[in-house]
Amino acid sequence: MSSPCARDSYKSNNQFVSQLDSSVMELRQLAYFVAVADEGNFTRAAATVHVAQPGVSAQIRHLERELGQDLLDRTGRTVSVTEAGAAVLPYARAALAAVAGARQAVDELTGLLRGHVTIGTLTSISSDQVDLPGLLAGFHDEHPAGTSPCRWPTPTISSTHYVPAASTSRLSAWAPPHQPV
C-alpha cells in the first residue's frame, strides 16, 4: 500500500498535468491571432490561413481565455489589437518564426531546401541561348520543395521596369499576354 505522501504527490501531479493540458497555447492559435492582427478582419484572416472563420474566432477566444485578456477589440467594423494584443504580437511572431527556423534547420541538415526562385530575363534572350524550361526542370528535380512560378512580362514593358521589379522580387507579378495563334 502506498503512503499518504505518495498519494498526495500523485494527486498533485495529476492536477498539474490536467491544468497544463487545459492551458496549452497552440501554434495555430498564435498563427490565427497574427493573421487577424495583420488583416484587421476575421473573414480575411480565415481565408489567409485557409480555415473557416468560426474556427479562427474560437481558437483566438481560447487563446484569450488562457491569457486572461482580450487580445483583439471586436467593437467596430474592423478588428484592432488591444494593448495586451500589442504586447503579445511580437512574441507570437517570434514563436512562429522560431518554428519555421527549426524546420529550416532540419531541412538543411537533411539536404531539403525550401523557398522561391525568381528569374528575370529580357525578351531579347532567345531559347537557343538559354534553355530556361530545362534549367527550371533540373532545379525542381534537385530541390522539389522550391517553387518558381512562371510569369512572362508583356513585350510593351521596357527593360527599365525589370530592374526595380527584380530588386523587389516582383517579376512573377506580370502575367503572360494573350497571343492569338
N, C-alpha and C. Protein backbone atom coordinates (compact mmCIF):
# COMPACT_ATOMS: atom_id res chain seq x y z
N MET A 1 0.84 -1.18 0.00
CA MET A 1 0.00 0.00 0.00
C MET A 1 0.89 1.24 0.00
N SER A 2 0.50 2.25 -0.74
CA SER A 2 1.33 3.45 -0.83
C SER A 2 1.07 4.37 0.34
N SER A 3 2.06 5.17 0.64
CA SER A 3 1.95 6.08 1.77
C SER A 3 1.06 7.27 1.41
N PRO A 4 0.51 7.96 2.43
CA PRO A 4 -0.32 9.13 2.17
C PRO A 4 0.45 10.22 1.42
N CYS A 5 1.74 10.35 1.67
CA CYS A 5 2.54 11.37 0.97
C CYS A 5 2.64 11.05 -0.51
N ALA A 6 2.81 9.78 -0.84
CA ALA A 6 2.92 9.39 -2.24
C ALA A 6 1.60 9.63 -2.96
N ARG A 7 0.48 9.31 -2.27
CA ARG A 7 -0.83 9.56 -2.90
C ARG A 7 -1.06 11.05 -3.12
N ASP A 8 -0.70 11.88 -2.14
CA ASP A 8 -0.87 13.33 -2.28
C ASP A 8 0.00 13.86 -3.41
N SER A 9 1.21 13.33 -3.52
CA SER A 9 2.11 13.75 -4.59
C SER A 9 1.54 13.36 -5.95
N TYR A 10 0.97 12.14 -6.03
CA TYR A 10 0.37 11.67 -7.28
C TYR A 10 -0.82 12.55 -7.67
N LYS A 11 -1.68 12.85 -6.67
CA LYS A 11 -2.83 13.72 -6.90
C LYS A 11 -2.38 15.09 -7.38
N SER A 12 -1.38 15.62 -6.72
CA SER A 12 -0.87 16.95 -7.06
C SER A 12 -0.32 16.97 -8.49
N ASN A 13 0.42 15.93 -8.85
CA ASN A 13 0.97 15.84 -10.20
C ASN A 13 -0.14 15.72 -11.24
N ASN A 14 -1.17 14.91 -10.94
CA ASN A 14 -2.29 14.77 -11.87
C ASN A 14 -3.02 16.09 -12.06
N GLN A 15 -3.22 16.83 -10.97
CA GLN A 15 -3.88 18.13 -11.07
C GLN A 15 -3.04 19.08 -11.92
N PHE A 16 -1.73 19.07 -11.73
CA PHE A 16 -0.84 19.94 -12.50
C PHE A 16 -0.91 19.59 -13.98
N VAL A 17 -0.84 18.30 -14.30
CA VAL A 17 -0.91 17.86 -15.69
C VAL A 17 -2.25 18.24 -16.29
N SER A 18 -3.33 18.07 -15.53
CA SER A 18 -4.65 18.43 -16.01
C SER A 18 -4.73 19.93 -16.29
N GLN A 19 -4.20 20.74 -15.39
CA GLN A 19 -4.19 22.19 -15.60
C GLN A 19 -3.32 22.54 -16.81
N LEU A 20 -2.21 21.88 -16.96
CA LEU A 20 -1.32 22.14 -18.07
C LEU A 20 -1.98 21.77 -19.39
N ASP A 21 -2.67 20.63 -19.42
CA ASP A 21 -3.37 20.21 -20.63
C ASP A 21 -4.44 21.20 -21.05
N SER A 22 -5.13 21.78 -20.09
CA SER A 22 -6.22 22.68 -20.42
C SER A 22 -5.73 24.07 -20.80
N SER A 23 -4.46 24.37 -20.59
CA SER A 23 -3.97 25.71 -20.90
C SER A 23 -2.72 25.69 -21.77
N VAL A 24 -2.68 24.78 -22.71
CA VAL A 24 -1.55 24.69 -23.61
C VAL A 24 -1.80 25.61 -24.80
N MET A 25 -0.94 26.59 -24.95
CA MET A 25 -1.03 27.50 -26.08
C MET A 25 -0.58 26.77 -27.33
N GLU A 26 -1.35 26.87 -28.39
CA GLU A 26 -1.04 26.17 -29.62
C GLU A 26 -0.51 27.13 -30.67
N LEU A 27 0.37 26.62 -31.51
CA LEU A 27 0.93 27.45 -32.58
C LEU A 27 -0.14 27.96 -33.53
N ARG A 28 -1.15 27.13 -33.80
CA ARG A 28 -2.19 27.59 -34.71
C ARG A 28 -2.95 28.77 -34.11
N GLN A 29 -3.13 28.79 -32.79
CA GLN A 29 -3.78 29.93 -32.16
C GLN A 29 -2.96 31.19 -32.39
N LEU A 30 -1.66 31.08 -32.25
CA LEU A 30 -0.78 32.22 -32.48
C LEU A 30 -0.82 32.65 -33.95
N ALA A 31 -0.82 31.65 -34.85
CA ALA A 31 -0.87 31.96 -36.28
C ALA A 31 -2.18 32.66 -36.63
N TYR A 32 -3.29 32.21 -36.07
CA TYR A 32 -4.58 32.84 -36.33
C TYR A 32 -4.61 34.25 -35.77
N PHE A 33 -4.06 34.43 -34.57
CA PHE A 33 -4.01 35.75 -33.95
C PHE A 33 -3.20 36.72 -34.82
N VAL A 34 -2.04 36.28 -35.27
CA VAL A 34 -1.20 37.13 -36.13
C VAL A 34 -1.94 37.47 -37.43
N ALA A 35 -2.62 36.50 -38.00
CA ALA A 35 -3.36 36.74 -39.25
C ALA A 35 -4.47 37.77 -39.04
N VAL A 36 -5.21 37.66 -37.96
CA VAL A 36 -6.29 38.62 -37.69
C VAL A 36 -5.69 40.00 -37.42
N ALA A 37 -4.60 40.04 -36.67
CA ALA A 37 -3.95 41.33 -36.40
C ALA A 37 -3.48 41.97 -37.70
N ASP A 38 -2.93 41.18 -38.60
CA ASP A 38 -2.43 41.71 -39.88
C ASP A 38 -3.56 42.14 -40.80
N GLU A 39 -4.62 41.36 -40.84
CA GLU A 39 -5.73 41.62 -41.77
C GLU A 39 -6.75 42.61 -41.22
N GLY A 40 -6.86 42.69 -39.89
CA GLY A 40 -7.86 43.57 -39.29
C GLY A 40 -9.28 43.08 -39.51
N ASN A 41 -9.42 41.78 -39.80
CA ASN A 41 -10.72 41.23 -40.15
C ASN A 41 -10.65 39.71 -40.01
N PHE A 42 -11.65 39.13 -39.34
CA PHE A 42 -11.65 37.68 -39.14
C PHE A 42 -11.84 36.92 -40.44
N THR A 43 -12.73 37.41 -41.30
CA THR A 43 -13.02 36.68 -42.54
C THR A 43 -11.80 36.64 -43.44
N ARG A 44 -11.12 37.78 -43.62
CA ARG A 44 -9.91 37.80 -44.46
C ARG A 44 -8.80 36.96 -43.82
N ALA A 45 -8.68 37.04 -42.50
CA ALA A 45 -7.66 36.24 -41.82
C ALA A 45 -7.93 34.75 -42.00
N ALA A 46 -9.20 34.36 -41.91
CA ALA A 46 -9.56 32.95 -42.10
C ALA A 46 -9.19 32.49 -43.50
N ALA A 47 -9.43 33.35 -44.49
CA ALA A 47 -9.06 33.00 -45.86
C ALA A 47 -7.54 32.87 -45.98
N THR A 48 -6.81 33.71 -45.29
CA THR A 48 -5.34 33.67 -45.34
C THR A 48 -4.79 32.36 -44.78
N VAL A 49 -5.39 31.89 -43.68
CA VAL A 49 -4.89 30.66 -43.05
C VAL A 49 -5.66 29.42 -43.50
N HIS A 50 -6.59 29.61 -44.44
CA HIS A 50 -7.36 28.50 -45.04
C HIS A 50 -8.15 27.71 -44.00
N VAL A 51 -8.86 28.45 -43.15
CA VAL A 51 -9.71 27.86 -42.12
C VAL A 51 -11.02 28.63 -42.12
N ALA A 52 -12.10 27.97 -41.76
CA ALA A 52 -13.38 28.65 -41.67
C ALA A 52 -13.33 29.71 -40.57
N GLN A 53 -14.02 30.81 -40.80
CA GLN A 53 -13.98 31.95 -39.88
C GLN A 53 -14.38 31.57 -38.44
N PRO A 54 -15.41 30.77 -38.22
CA PRO A 54 -15.75 30.41 -36.83
C PRO A 54 -14.62 29.67 -36.11
N GLY A 55 -13.87 28.87 -36.85
CA GLY A 55 -12.72 28.17 -36.26
C GLY A 55 -11.64 29.12 -35.80
N VAL A 56 -11.36 30.13 -36.61
CA VAL A 56 -10.36 31.15 -36.25
C VAL A 56 -10.82 31.89 -34.99
N SER A 57 -12.07 32.31 -35.00
CA SER A 57 -12.63 33.05 -33.87
C SER A 57 -12.58 32.22 -32.58
N ALA A 58 -12.96 30.96 -32.68
CA ALA A 58 -12.96 30.09 -31.50
C ALA A 58 -11.55 29.88 -30.94
N GLN A 59 -10.58 29.67 -31.82
CA GLN A 59 -9.21 29.46 -31.36
C GLN A 59 -8.63 30.71 -30.70
N ILE A 60 -8.97 31.87 -31.23
CA ILE A 60 -8.48 33.11 -30.62
C ILE A 60 -9.15 33.32 -29.26
N ARG A 61 -10.42 32.96 -29.14
CA ARG A 61 -11.12 33.04 -27.84
C ARG A 61 -10.43 32.12 -26.82
N HIS A 62 -10.04 30.91 -27.24
CA HIS A 62 -9.31 30.00 -26.34
C HIS A 62 -8.00 30.65 -25.89
N LEU A 63 -7.29 31.25 -26.84
CA LEU A 63 -6.03 31.92 -26.51
C LEU A 63 -6.27 33.07 -25.53
N GLU A 64 -7.28 33.85 -25.77
CA GLU A 64 -7.60 34.97 -24.87
C GLU A 64 -7.98 34.47 -23.48
N ARG A 65 -8.75 33.38 -23.40
CA ARG A 65 -9.10 32.81 -22.10
C ARG A 65 -7.86 32.33 -21.37
N GLU A 66 -6.98 31.70 -22.10
CA GLU A 66 -5.75 31.21 -21.48
C GLU A 66 -4.90 32.35 -20.92
N LEU A 67 -4.82 33.43 -21.67
CA LEU A 67 -4.01 34.57 -21.23
C LEU A 67 -4.75 35.49 -20.27
N GLY A 68 -6.06 35.34 -20.20
CA GLY A 68 -6.84 36.14 -19.27
C GLY A 68 -7.06 37.57 -19.73
N GLN A 69 -6.84 37.85 -21.01
CA GLN A 69 -7.02 39.21 -21.54
C GLN A 69 -7.55 39.13 -22.96
N ASP A 70 -8.34 40.12 -23.35
CA ASP A 70 -8.74 40.24 -24.75
C ASP A 70 -7.53 40.73 -25.54
N LEU A 71 -7.25 40.05 -26.63
CA LEU A 71 -6.14 40.45 -27.49
C LEU A 71 -6.62 41.31 -28.65
N LEU A 72 -7.91 41.19 -28.97
CA LEU A 72 -8.48 41.92 -30.10
C LEU A 72 -9.73 42.67 -29.66
N ASP A 73 -9.87 43.88 -30.19
CA ASP A 73 -11.07 44.68 -29.96
C ASP A 73 -12.01 44.45 -31.13
N ARG A 74 -13.16 43.87 -30.84
CA ARG A 74 -14.11 43.50 -31.88
C ARG A 74 -15.29 44.45 -31.96
N THR A 75 -15.19 45.64 -31.38
CA THR A 75 -16.35 46.52 -31.28
C THR A 75 -16.69 47.25 -32.57
N GLY A 76 -15.73 47.57 -33.40
CA GLY A 76 -16.00 48.32 -34.63
C GLY A 76 -16.17 47.40 -35.82
N ARG A 77 -16.23 48.03 -37.00
CA ARG A 77 -16.34 47.25 -38.24
C ARG A 77 -15.05 46.46 -38.50
N THR A 78 -13.94 47.04 -38.08
CA THR A 78 -12.66 46.33 -38.23
C THR A 78 -12.22 45.84 -36.86
N VAL A 79 -11.37 44.87 -36.87
CA VAL A 79 -10.83 44.32 -35.63
C VAL A 79 -9.49 44.99 -35.39
N SER A 80 -9.28 45.43 -34.17
CA SER A 80 -7.99 46.06 -33.85
C SER A 80 -7.35 45.34 -32.67
N VAL A 81 -6.07 45.51 -32.54
CA VAL A 81 -5.30 44.85 -31.48
C VAL A 81 -5.41 45.69 -30.21
N THR A 82 -5.70 45.04 -29.09
CA THR A 82 -5.76 45.72 -27.81
C THR A 82 -4.35 45.97 -27.31
N GLU A 83 -4.24 46.63 -26.17
CA GLU A 83 -2.92 46.85 -25.57
C GLU A 83 -2.25 45.51 -25.23
N ALA A 84 -3.04 44.59 -24.69
CA ALA A 84 -2.49 43.26 -24.39
C ALA A 84 -2.11 42.54 -25.69
N GLY A 85 -2.93 42.69 -26.71
CA GLY A 85 -2.63 42.07 -28.00
C GLY A 85 -1.35 42.63 -28.61
N ALA A 86 -1.14 43.93 -28.46
CA ALA A 86 0.08 44.55 -28.98
C ALA A 86 1.30 44.04 -28.22
N ALA A 87 1.13 43.74 -26.94
CA ALA A 87 2.25 43.19 -26.17
C ALA A 87 2.55 41.75 -26.56
N VAL A 88 1.51 40.97 -26.91
CA VAL A 88 1.68 39.56 -27.26
C VAL A 88 2.16 39.39 -28.71
N LEU A 89 1.75 40.28 -29.60
CA LEU A 89 2.00 40.12 -31.03
C LEU A 89 3.46 39.86 -31.40
N PRO A 90 4.44 40.63 -30.89
CA PRO A 90 5.83 40.32 -31.28
C PRO A 90 6.29 38.94 -30.80
N TYR A 91 5.77 38.49 -29.67
CA TYR A 91 6.14 37.16 -29.17
C TYR A 91 5.48 36.07 -30.03
N ALA A 92 4.27 36.31 -30.47
CA ALA A 92 3.60 35.36 -31.35
C ALA A 92 4.36 35.24 -32.67
N ARG A 93 4.76 36.38 -33.23
CA ARG A 93 5.54 36.37 -34.47
C ARG A 93 6.88 35.64 -34.26
N ALA A 94 7.52 35.89 -33.12
CA ALA A 94 8.80 35.26 -32.83
C ALA A 94 8.65 33.74 -32.67
N ALA A 95 7.57 33.31 -32.03
CA ALA A 95 7.34 31.87 -31.86
C ALA A 95 7.14 31.20 -33.20
N LEU A 96 6.35 31.82 -34.07
CA LEU A 96 6.12 31.26 -35.40
C LEU A 96 7.40 31.25 -36.23
N ALA A 97 8.20 32.31 -36.09
CA ALA A 97 9.47 32.37 -36.81
C ALA A 97 10.44 31.31 -36.28
N ALA A 98 10.40 31.07 -34.96
CA ALA A 98 11.28 30.04 -34.38
C ALA A 98 10.92 28.65 -34.90
N VAL A 99 9.64 28.37 -35.03
CA VAL A 99 9.21 27.08 -35.57
C VAL A 99 9.65 26.94 -37.02
N ALA A 100 9.46 28.01 -37.80
CA ALA A 100 9.90 27.98 -39.20
C ALA A 100 11.41 27.78 -39.27
N GLY A 101 12.14 28.43 -38.37
CA GLY A 101 13.59 28.27 -38.33
C GLY A 101 14.01 26.85 -37.97
N ALA A 102 13.29 26.25 -37.04
CA ALA A 102 13.60 24.86 -36.65
C ALA A 102 13.36 23.92 -37.83
N ARG A 103 12.26 24.13 -38.53
CA ARG A 103 12.00 23.30 -39.72
C ARG A 103 13.08 23.49 -40.76
N GLN A 104 13.48 24.73 -40.98
CA GLN A 104 14.51 25.02 -41.97
C GLN A 104 15.84 24.38 -41.57
N ALA A 105 16.17 24.44 -40.29
CA ALA A 105 17.43 23.85 -39.83
C ALA A 105 17.45 22.35 -40.09
N VAL A 106 16.34 21.68 -39.82
CA VAL A 106 16.28 20.23 -40.07
C VAL A 106 16.31 19.96 -41.57
N ASP A 107 15.59 20.78 -42.34
CA ASP A 107 15.59 20.60 -43.79
C ASP A 107 17.00 20.78 -44.36
N GLU A 108 17.72 21.77 -43.87
CA GLU A 108 19.08 21.99 -44.34
C GLU A 108 19.99 20.83 -43.94
N LEU A 109 19.77 20.30 -42.76
CA LEU A 109 20.56 19.18 -42.28
C LEU A 109 20.33 17.94 -43.14
N THR A 110 19.10 17.76 -43.57
CA THR A 110 18.77 16.60 -44.39
C THR A 110 18.91 16.88 -45.88
N GLY A 111 19.28 18.11 -46.22
CA GLY A 111 19.51 18.45 -47.62
C GLY A 111 18.28 18.93 -48.36
N LEU A 112 17.16 19.08 -47.68
CA LEU A 112 15.95 19.56 -48.33
C LEU A 112 15.92 21.08 -48.26
N LEU A 113 15.82 21.73 -49.41
CA LEU A 113 15.77 23.18 -49.46
C LEU A 113 14.35 23.61 -49.80
N ARG A 114 13.91 24.69 -49.18
CA ARG A 114 12.60 25.26 -49.45
C ARG A 114 12.78 26.72 -49.83
N GLY A 115 11.87 27.25 -50.60
CA GLY A 115 11.93 28.65 -50.92
C GLY A 115 11.34 28.95 -52.27
N HIS A 116 11.58 30.15 -52.73
CA HIS A 116 11.06 30.60 -54.01
C HIS A 116 12.23 31.05 -54.88
N VAL A 117 12.12 30.80 -56.14
CA VAL A 117 13.14 31.21 -57.10
C VAL A 117 12.51 32.23 -58.04
N THR A 118 13.16 33.35 -58.21
CA THR A 118 12.69 34.35 -59.16
C THR A 118 13.78 34.54 -60.20
N ILE A 119 13.40 34.41 -61.45
CA ILE A 119 14.36 34.54 -62.55
C ILE A 119 13.88 35.65 -63.46
N GLY A 120 14.76 36.56 -63.78
CA GLY A 120 14.41 37.64 -64.69
C GLY A 120 15.24 37.54 -65.97
N THR A 121 14.59 37.64 -67.08
CA THR A 121 15.30 37.67 -68.36
C THR A 121 14.67 38.75 -69.23
N LEU A 122 15.39 39.15 -70.24
CA LEU A 122 14.85 40.09 -71.21
C LEU A 122 14.31 39.31 -72.39
N THR A 123 13.36 39.88 -73.06
CA THR A 123 12.75 39.18 -74.19
C THR A 123 13.73 38.99 -75.34
N SER A 124 14.84 39.74 -75.31
CA SER A 124 15.82 39.60 -76.38
C SER A 124 16.65 38.33 -76.25
N ILE A 125 16.56 37.63 -75.12
CA ILE A 125 17.29 36.37 -74.94
C ILE A 125 16.44 35.26 -75.54
N SER A 126 17.00 34.55 -76.47
CA SER A 126 16.23 33.51 -77.16
C SER A 126 16.39 32.16 -76.45
N SER A 127 15.50 31.25 -76.79
CA SER A 127 15.56 29.91 -76.20
C SER A 127 16.77 29.14 -76.72
N ASP A 128 17.38 29.60 -77.82
CA ASP A 128 18.60 28.97 -78.30
C ASP A 128 19.77 29.28 -77.38
N GLN A 129 19.72 30.45 -76.73
CA GLN A 129 20.81 30.86 -75.85
C GLN A 129 20.68 30.26 -74.45
N VAL A 130 19.44 30.16 -73.94
CA VAL A 130 19.21 29.65 -72.59
C VAL A 130 18.02 28.70 -72.62
N ASP A 131 18.23 27.50 -72.11
CA ASP A 131 17.14 26.53 -72.01
C ASP A 131 16.48 26.70 -70.64
N LEU A 132 15.67 27.76 -70.52
CA LEU A 132 15.05 28.07 -69.24
C LEU A 132 14.15 26.94 -68.74
N PRO A 133 13.29 26.35 -69.58
CA PRO A 133 12.49 25.22 -69.08
C PRO A 133 13.35 24.06 -68.57
N GLY A 134 14.43 23.79 -69.27
CA GLY A 134 15.34 22.73 -68.83
C GLY A 134 16.02 23.06 -67.51
N LEU A 135 16.43 24.32 -67.36
CA LEU A 135 17.05 24.75 -66.11
C LEU A 135 16.07 24.63 -64.95
N LEU A 136 14.84 25.09 -65.17
CA LEU A 136 13.84 25.01 -64.11
C LEU A 136 13.50 23.55 -63.76
N ALA A 137 13.39 22.70 -64.77
CA ALA A 137 13.11 21.29 -64.53
C ALA A 137 14.24 20.64 -63.73
N GLY A 138 15.48 20.95 -64.09
CA GLY A 138 16.62 20.42 -63.36
C GLY A 138 16.65 20.91 -61.92
N PHE A 139 16.35 22.21 -61.74
CA PHE A 139 16.31 22.76 -60.38
C PHE A 139 15.23 22.08 -59.57
N HIS A 140 14.06 21.88 -60.17
CA HIS A 140 12.96 21.24 -59.46
C HIS A 140 13.31 19.79 -59.09
N ASP A 141 14.01 19.10 -59.96
CA ASP A 141 14.42 17.73 -59.65
C ASP A 141 15.34 17.70 -58.43
N GLU A 142 16.25 18.67 -58.35
CA GLU A 142 17.21 18.72 -57.25
C GLU A 142 16.59 19.29 -55.97
N HIS A 143 15.61 20.19 -56.12
CA HIS A 143 15.02 20.88 -54.96
C HIS A 143 13.50 20.86 -55.10
N PRO A 144 12.86 19.73 -54.83
CA PRO A 144 11.41 19.62 -55.06
C PRO A 144 10.56 20.54 -54.19
N ALA A 145 11.08 21.04 -53.08
CA ALA A 145 10.29 21.92 -52.22
C ALA A 145 10.38 23.38 -52.65
N GLY A 146 11.24 23.69 -53.61
CA GLY A 146 11.35 25.06 -54.10
C GLY A 146 10.27 25.34 -55.13
N THR A 147 9.86 26.59 -55.23
CA THR A 147 8.85 26.94 -56.22
C THR A 147 9.39 28.04 -57.12
N SER A 148 8.97 28.01 -58.36
CA SER A 148 9.35 29.06 -59.30
C SER A 148 8.20 29.29 -60.26
N PRO A 149 7.20 30.06 -59.82
CA PRO A 149 6.06 30.30 -60.70
C PRO A 149 6.50 31.05 -61.95
N CYS A 150 6.01 30.63 -63.09
CA CYS A 150 6.42 31.25 -64.36
C CYS A 150 5.41 32.30 -64.77
N ARG A 151 5.87 33.50 -64.94
CA ARG A 151 5.06 34.60 -65.45
C ARG A 151 5.92 35.35 -66.45
N TRP A 152 5.36 35.73 -67.54
CA TRP A 152 6.13 36.40 -68.57
C TRP A 152 5.64 37.83 -68.73
N PRO A 153 6.55 38.81 -68.77
CA PRO A 153 6.14 40.20 -68.94
C PRO A 153 5.64 40.44 -70.36
N THR A 154 4.83 41.46 -70.49
CA THR A 154 4.37 41.81 -71.83
C THR A 154 5.51 42.47 -72.58
N PRO A 155 5.55 42.34 -73.90
CA PRO A 155 6.64 42.93 -74.68
C PRO A 155 6.64 44.46 -74.62
N THR A 156 5.53 45.06 -74.23
CA THR A 156 5.47 46.52 -74.20
C THR A 156 6.15 47.11 -72.97
N ILE A 157 6.48 46.28 -71.99
CA ILE A 157 7.14 46.78 -70.79
C ILE A 157 8.63 46.89 -71.08
N SER A 158 9.17 48.06 -70.85
CA SER A 158 10.59 48.27 -71.17
C SER A 158 11.48 47.64 -70.11
N SER A 159 12.74 47.45 -70.47
CA SER A 159 13.68 46.82 -69.55
C SER A 159 13.94 47.67 -68.32
N THR A 160 13.62 48.96 -68.37
CA THR A 160 13.82 49.81 -67.19
C THR A 160 12.86 49.40 -66.07
N HIS A 161 11.76 48.71 -66.40
CA HIS A 161 10.85 48.24 -65.38
C HIS A 161 11.32 46.95 -64.73
N TYR A 162 12.22 46.24 -65.38
CA TYR A 162 12.69 44.96 -64.85
C TYR A 162 13.59 45.13 -63.63
N VAL A 163 14.44 46.13 -63.65
CA VAL A 163 15.40 46.30 -62.55
C VAL A 163 14.69 46.53 -61.22
N PRO A 164 13.74 47.51 -61.13
CA PRO A 164 13.04 47.66 -59.85
C PRO A 164 12.23 46.41 -59.50
N ALA A 165 11.64 45.76 -60.48
CA ALA A 165 10.85 44.56 -60.21
C ALA A 165 11.74 43.45 -59.68
N ALA A 166 12.91 43.29 -60.25
CA ALA A 166 13.82 42.23 -59.80
C ALA A 166 14.33 42.52 -58.40
N SER A 167 14.60 43.79 -58.10
CA SER A 167 15.14 44.11 -56.79
C SER A 167 14.10 43.93 -55.69
N THR A 168 12.83 43.91 -56.02
CA THR A 168 11.79 43.69 -55.02
C THR A 168 11.16 42.32 -55.17
N SER A 169 11.73 41.46 -55.97
CA SER A 169 11.23 40.10 -56.22
C SER A 169 9.80 40.12 -56.74
N ARG A 170 9.49 41.04 -57.62
CA ARG A 170 8.13 41.15 -58.13
C ARG A 170 8.00 40.76 -59.60
N LEU A 171 9.03 40.16 -60.17
CA LEU A 171 8.95 39.77 -61.58
C LEU A 171 7.82 38.79 -61.83
N SER A 172 7.50 37.97 -60.86
CA SER A 172 6.46 36.97 -61.06
C SER A 172 5.06 37.58 -61.05
N ALA A 173 4.96 38.89 -60.86
CA ALA A 173 3.64 39.53 -60.79
C ALA A 173 3.04 39.78 -62.17
N TRP A 174 3.84 39.78 -63.23
CA TRP A 174 3.31 40.03 -64.57
C TRP A 174 2.77 38.75 -65.18
N ALA A 175 1.62 38.83 -65.78
CA ALA A 175 1.01 37.66 -66.41
C ALA A 175 1.33 37.67 -67.90
N PRO A 176 1.35 36.51 -68.52
CA PRO A 176 1.65 36.47 -69.95
C PRO A 176 0.51 37.08 -70.75
N PRO A 177 0.84 37.80 -71.81
CA PRO A 177 -0.23 38.37 -72.64
C PRO A 177 -0.89 37.26 -73.46
N HIS A 178 -2.12 37.48 -73.83
CA HIS A 178 -2.82 36.52 -74.66
C HIS A 178 -2.32 36.70 -76.11
N GLN A 179 -1.78 35.64 -76.64
CA GLN A 179 -1.23 35.68 -78.01
C GLN A 179 -2.13 34.84 -78.91
N PRO A 180 -2.82 35.46 -79.88
CA PRO A 180 -3.62 34.64 -80.79
C PRO A 180 -2.73 33.77 -81.67
N VAL A 181 -3.19 32.59 -81.99
CA VAL A 181 -2.40 31.65 -82.78
C VAL A 181 -2.70 31.83 -84.25
